[in-house]
């Protein structure tokens, strides 16, 4: 199975793991053989913007913080196909970063790990990670 972490789930895994549900904690702490976890470039982009706007405190710049904490997560670049698919999604969610994550999960056949109920409105496999 291939899993894509949404930005909030990844940040919680780093700073507030108690906010994650048991399934998410189990998966993130011990990835089953043959499964892969991914973090999208969209998440790095979102983290960087929010940090520089003063909306996301981090102990160091995102350029240092994110790469040093990937801990086995595989990077997922944003392609033209991802961007175009994000633009074609219904507007259940107006956040452009989240729309890219939905498009990526759909196109790449991934399960999206999230605690955002808006993702359930899309035709995408979701693993609920909230408490």
C-alpha atoms as a PDB file:
ATOM      1  CA  UNK A   1       0.000   0.000   0.000  1.00  0.00           C
ATOM      2  CA  UNK A   2       1.135   3.540  -0.693  1.00  0.00           C
ATOM      3  CA  UNK A   3       0.158   6.302   1.723  1.00  0.00           C
ATOM      4  CA  UNK A   4       0.292  10.080   1.325  1.00  0.00           C
ATOM      5  CA  UNK A   5       0.380  12.148   4.513  1.00  0.00           C
ATOM      6  CA  UNK A   6      -1.463  15.415   4.511  1.00  0.00           C
ATOM      7  CA  UNK A   7       0.436  18.367   5.908  1.00  0.00           C
ATOM      8  CA  UNK A   8      -1.385  18.450   9.242  1.00  0.00           C
ATOM      9  CA  UNK A   9      -0.862  14.760   9.906  1.00  0.00           C
ATOM     10  CA  UNK A  10       2.854  15.064   9.163  1.00  0.00           C
ATOM     11  CA  UNK A  11       3.204  18.119  11.403  1.00  0.00           C
ATOM     12  CA  UNK A  12       1.310  16.390  14.230  1.00  0.00           C
ATOM     13  CA  UNK A  13       3.575  13.357  13.866  1.00  0.00           C
ATOM     14  CA  UNK A  14       6.507  15.703  14.503  1.00  0.00           C
ATOM     15  CA  UNK A  15       5.133  17.985  17.200  1.00  0.00           C
ATOM     16  CA  UNK A  16       1.895  16.611  18.688  1.00  0.00           C
ATOM     17  CA  UNK A  17       1.612  12.856  18.123  1.00  0.00           C
ATOM     18  CA  UNK A  18      -1.053  12.662  20.836  1.00  0.00           C
ATOM     19  CA  UNK A  19      -3.443  14.340  18.355  1.00  0.00           C
ATOM     20  CA  UNK A  20      -3.175  11.337  16.022  1.00  0.00           C
ATOM     21  CA  UNK A  21      -5.464   8.351  16.298  1.00  0.00           C
ATOM     22  CA  UNK A  22      -4.149   4.895  17.180  1.00  0.00           C
ATOM     23  CA  UNK A  23      -4.226   3.618  13.578  1.00  0.00           C
ATOM     24  CA  UNK A  24      -2.111   6.537  12.398  1.00  0.00           C
ATOM     25  CA  UNK A  25       0.398   6.195  15.232  1.00  0.00           C
ATOM     26  CA  UNK A  26       0.759   2.474  14.533  1.00  0.00           C
ATOM     27  CA  UNK A  27       1.262   3.007  10.796  1.00  0.00           C
ATOM     28  CA  UNK A  28       3.698   5.905  11.204  1.00  0.00           C
ATOM     29  CA  UNK A  29       5.764   4.128  13.846  1.00  0.00           C
ATOM     30  CA  UNK A  30       6.031   0.806  12.044  1.00  0.00           C
ATOM     31  CA  UNK A  31       5.425   0.815   8.303  1.00  0.00           C
ATOM     32  CA  UNK A  32       4.427  -2.682   7.151  1.00  0.00           C
ATOM     33  CA  UNK A  33       6.804  -4.464   4.784  1.00  0.00           C
ATOM     34  CA  UNK A  34       6.051  -3.448   1.198  1.00  0.00           C
ATOM     35  CA  UNK A  35       4.203  -0.256   2.146  1.00  0.00           C
ATOM     36  CA  UNK A  36       5.501   3.228   1.440  1.00  0.00           C
ATOM     37  CA  UNK A  37       4.773   6.587   3.068  1.00  0.00           C
ATOM     38  CA  UNK A  38       5.059   9.782   1.045  1.00  0.00           C
ATOM     39  CA  UNK A  39       5.199  13.496   1.799  1.00  0.00           C
ATOM     40  CA  UNK A  40       4.238  15.768  -1.073  1.00  0.00           C
ATOM     41  CA  UNK A  41       6.187  18.794  -2.212  1.00  0.00           C
ATOM     42  CA  UNK A  42       2.840  20.569  -1.706  1.00  0.00           C
ATOM     43  CA  UNK A  43       3.254  20.032   2.047  1.00  0.00           C
ATOM     44  CA  UNK A  44       6.746  21.526   2.031  1.00  0.00           C
ATOM     45  CA  UNK A  45       5.411  24.465   0.045  1.00  0.00           C
ATOM     46  CA  UNK A  46       2.513  24.967   2.475  1.00  0.00           C
ATOM     47  CA  UNK A  47       4.787  24.686   5.524  1.00  0.00           C
ATOM     48  CA  UNK A  48       7.228  27.207   4.085  1.00  0.00           C
ATOM     49  CA  UNK A  49       4.535  29.756   3.265  1.00  0.00           C
ATOM     50  CA  UNK A  50       2.839  29.453   6.658  1.00  0.00           C
ATOM     51  CA  UNK A  51       6.189  29.690   8.469  1.00  0.00           C
ATOM     52  CA  UNK A  52       7.191  32.846   6.616  1.00  0.00           C
ATOM     53  CA  UNK A  53       3.753  34.416   7.244  1.00  0.00           C
ATOM     54  CA  UNK A  54       4.257  33.785  10.969  1.00  0.00           C
ATOM     55  CA  UNK A  55       1.367  31.274  11.125  1.00  0.00           C
ATOM     56  CA  UNK A  56       3.495  28.194  11.805  1.00  0.00           C
ATOM     57  CA  UNK A  57       6.199  28.328  14.464  1.00  0.00           C
ATOM     58  CA  UNK A  58       9.079  25.940  13.892  1.00  0.00           C
ATOM     59  CA  UNK A  59      12.403  25.626  15.738  1.00  0.00           C
ATOM     60  CA  UNK A  60      14.294  26.297  12.493  1.00  0.00           C
ATOM     61  CA  UNK A  61      13.598  27.300   8.914  1.00  0.00           C
ATOM     62  CA  UNK A  62      11.481  24.873   6.853  1.00  0.00           C
ATOM     63  CA  UNK A  63      14.463  24.361   4.536  1.00  0.00           C
ATOM     64  CA  UNK A  64      16.229  22.653   7.455  1.00  0.00           C
ATOM     65  CA  UNK A  65      13.229  21.368   9.416  1.00  0.00           C
ATOM     66  CA  UNK A  66      11.429  19.350   6.740  1.00  0.00           C
ATOM     67  CA  UNK A  67      14.354  17.426   5.193  1.00  0.00           C
ATOM     68  CA  UNK A  68      15.838  16.575   8.592  1.00  0.00           C
ATOM     69  CA  UNK A  69      12.565  14.988   9.736  1.00  0.00           C
ATOM     70  CA  UNK A  70      11.457  12.942   6.752  1.00  0.00           C
ATOM     71  CA  UNK A  71      12.455   9.771   8.644  1.00  0.00           C
ATOM     72  CA  UNK A  72      11.971   7.327   5.802  1.00  0.00           C
ATOM     73  CA  UNK A  73       9.145   9.171   4.058  1.00  0.00           C
ATOM     74  CA  UNK A  74       9.521   9.260   0.328  1.00  0.00           C
ATOM     75  CA  UNK A  75       9.227  12.614  -1.438  1.00  0.00           C
ATOM     76  CA  UNK A  76       6.409  13.100  -3.932  1.00  0.00           C
ATOM     77  CA  UNK A  77       6.993  15.869  -6.488  1.00  0.00           C
ATOM     78  CA  UNK A  78       4.150  17.876  -7.985  1.00  0.00           C
ATOM     79  CA  UNK A  79       3.726  17.183 -11.704  1.00  0.00           C
ATOM     80  CA  UNK A  80       1.727  18.996 -14.352  1.00  0.00           C
ATOM     81  CA  UNK A  81      -0.768  16.124 -14.278  1.00  0.00           C
ATOM     82  CA  UNK A  82      -1.228  16.624 -10.513  1.00  0.00           C
ATOM     83  CA  UNK A  83      -1.732  20.375 -10.913  1.00  0.00           C
ATOM     84  CA  UNK A  84      -4.226  19.974 -13.742  1.00  0.00           C
ATOM     85  CA  UNK A  85      -6.169  17.296 -11.877  1.00  0.00           C
ATOM     86  CA  UNK A  86      -6.325  19.539  -8.786  1.00  0.00           C
ATOM     87  CA  UNK A  87      -7.905  22.254 -10.916  1.00  0.00           C
ATOM     88  CA  UNK A  88     -10.565  19.852 -12.169  1.00  0.00           C
ATOM     89  CA  UNK A  89     -11.702  18.708  -8.714  1.00  0.00           C
ATOM     90  CA  UNK A  90     -15.075  19.830  -7.390  1.00  0.00           C
ATOM     91  CA  UNK A  91     -14.733  22.745  -4.972  1.00  0.00           C
ATOM     92  CA  UNK A  92     -15.485  20.808  -1.789  1.00  0.00           C
ATOM     93  CA  UNK A  93     -12.244  22.250  -0.485  1.00  0.00           C
ATOM     94  CA  UNK A  94     -10.849  25.661  -1.408  1.00  0.00           C
ATOM     95  CA  UNK A  95      -7.334  25.127   0.008  1.00  0.00           C
ATOM     96  CA  UNK A  96      -5.047  24.729  -3.027  1.00  0.00           C
ATOM     97  CA  UNK A  97      -2.507  22.617  -1.124  1.00  0.00           C
ATOM     98  CA  UNK A  98      -5.166  20.154  -0.023  1.00  0.00           C
ATOM     99  CA  UNK A  99      -6.595  20.001  -3.529  1.00  0.00           C
ATOM    100  CA  UNK A 100      -3.140  19.049  -4.846  1.00  0.00           C
ATOM    101  CA  UNK A 101      -2.873  16.306  -2.196  1.00  0.00           C
ATOM    102  CA  UNK A 102      -6.261  14.878  -3.227  1.00  0.00           C
ATOM    103  CA  UNK A 103      -5.264  14.959  -6.894  1.00  0.00           C
ATOM    104  CA  UNK A 104      -1.930  13.294  -6.157  1.00  0.00           C
ATOM    105  CA  UNK A 105      -3.519  10.541  -4.064  1.00  0.00           C
ATOM    106  CA  UNK A 106      -6.078   9.852  -6.778  1.00  0.00           C
ATOM    107  CA  UNK A 107      -3.631   9.830  -9.686  1.00  0.00           C
ATOM    108  CA  UNK A 108      -0.961   7.846  -7.847  1.00  0.00           C
ATOM    109  CA  UNK A 109      -3.369   5.307  -6.296  1.00  0.00           C
ATOM    110  CA  UNK A 110      -2.486   6.298  -2.737  1.00  0.00           C
ATOM    111  CA  UNK A 111      -4.391   6.327   0.529  1.00  0.00           C
ATOM    112  CA  UNK A 112      -4.507   9.832   1.973  1.00  0.00           C
ATOM    113  CA  UNK A 113      -3.792  10.051   5.710  1.00  0.00           C
ATOM    114  CA  UNK A 114      -5.783  12.983   7.076  1.00  0.00           C
ATOM    115  CA  UNK A 115      -7.781  14.430   9.935  1.00  0.00           C
ATOM    116  CA  UNK A 116      -9.576  16.849   7.614  1.00  0.00           C
ATOM    117  CA  UNK A 117     -13.217  15.796   7.099  1.00  0.00           C
ATOM    118  CA  UNK A 118     -13.370  17.690   3.784  1.00  0.00           C
ATOM    119  CA  UNK A 119     -11.255  15.013   2.100  1.00  0.00           C
ATOM    120  CA  UNK A 120     -14.069  12.477   2.540  1.00  0.00           C
ATOM    121  CA  UNK A 121     -16.130  14.490   0.045  1.00  0.00           C
ATOM    122  CA  UNK A 122     -13.771  13.448  -2.747  1.00  0.00           C
ATOM    123  CA  UNK A 123     -13.457  10.153  -4.545  1.00  0.00           C
ATOM    124  CA  UNK A 124     -10.173   9.283  -2.834  1.00  0.00           C
ATOM    125  CA  UNK A 125      -9.121   6.567  -0.394  1.00  0.00           C
ATOM    126  CA  UNK A 126      -8.734   8.071   3.076  1.00  0.00           C
ATOM    127  CA  UNK A 127      -7.357   6.771   6.353  1.00  0.00           C
ATOM    128  CA  UNK A 128      -8.750   8.851   9.202  1.00  0.00           C
ATOM    129  CA  UNK A 129      -5.934   9.992  11.472  1.00  0.00           C
ATOM    130  CA  UNK A 130      -7.770  12.127  13.993  1.00  0.00           C
ATOM    131  CA  UNK A 131      -8.332  11.156  17.579  1.00  0.00           C
END
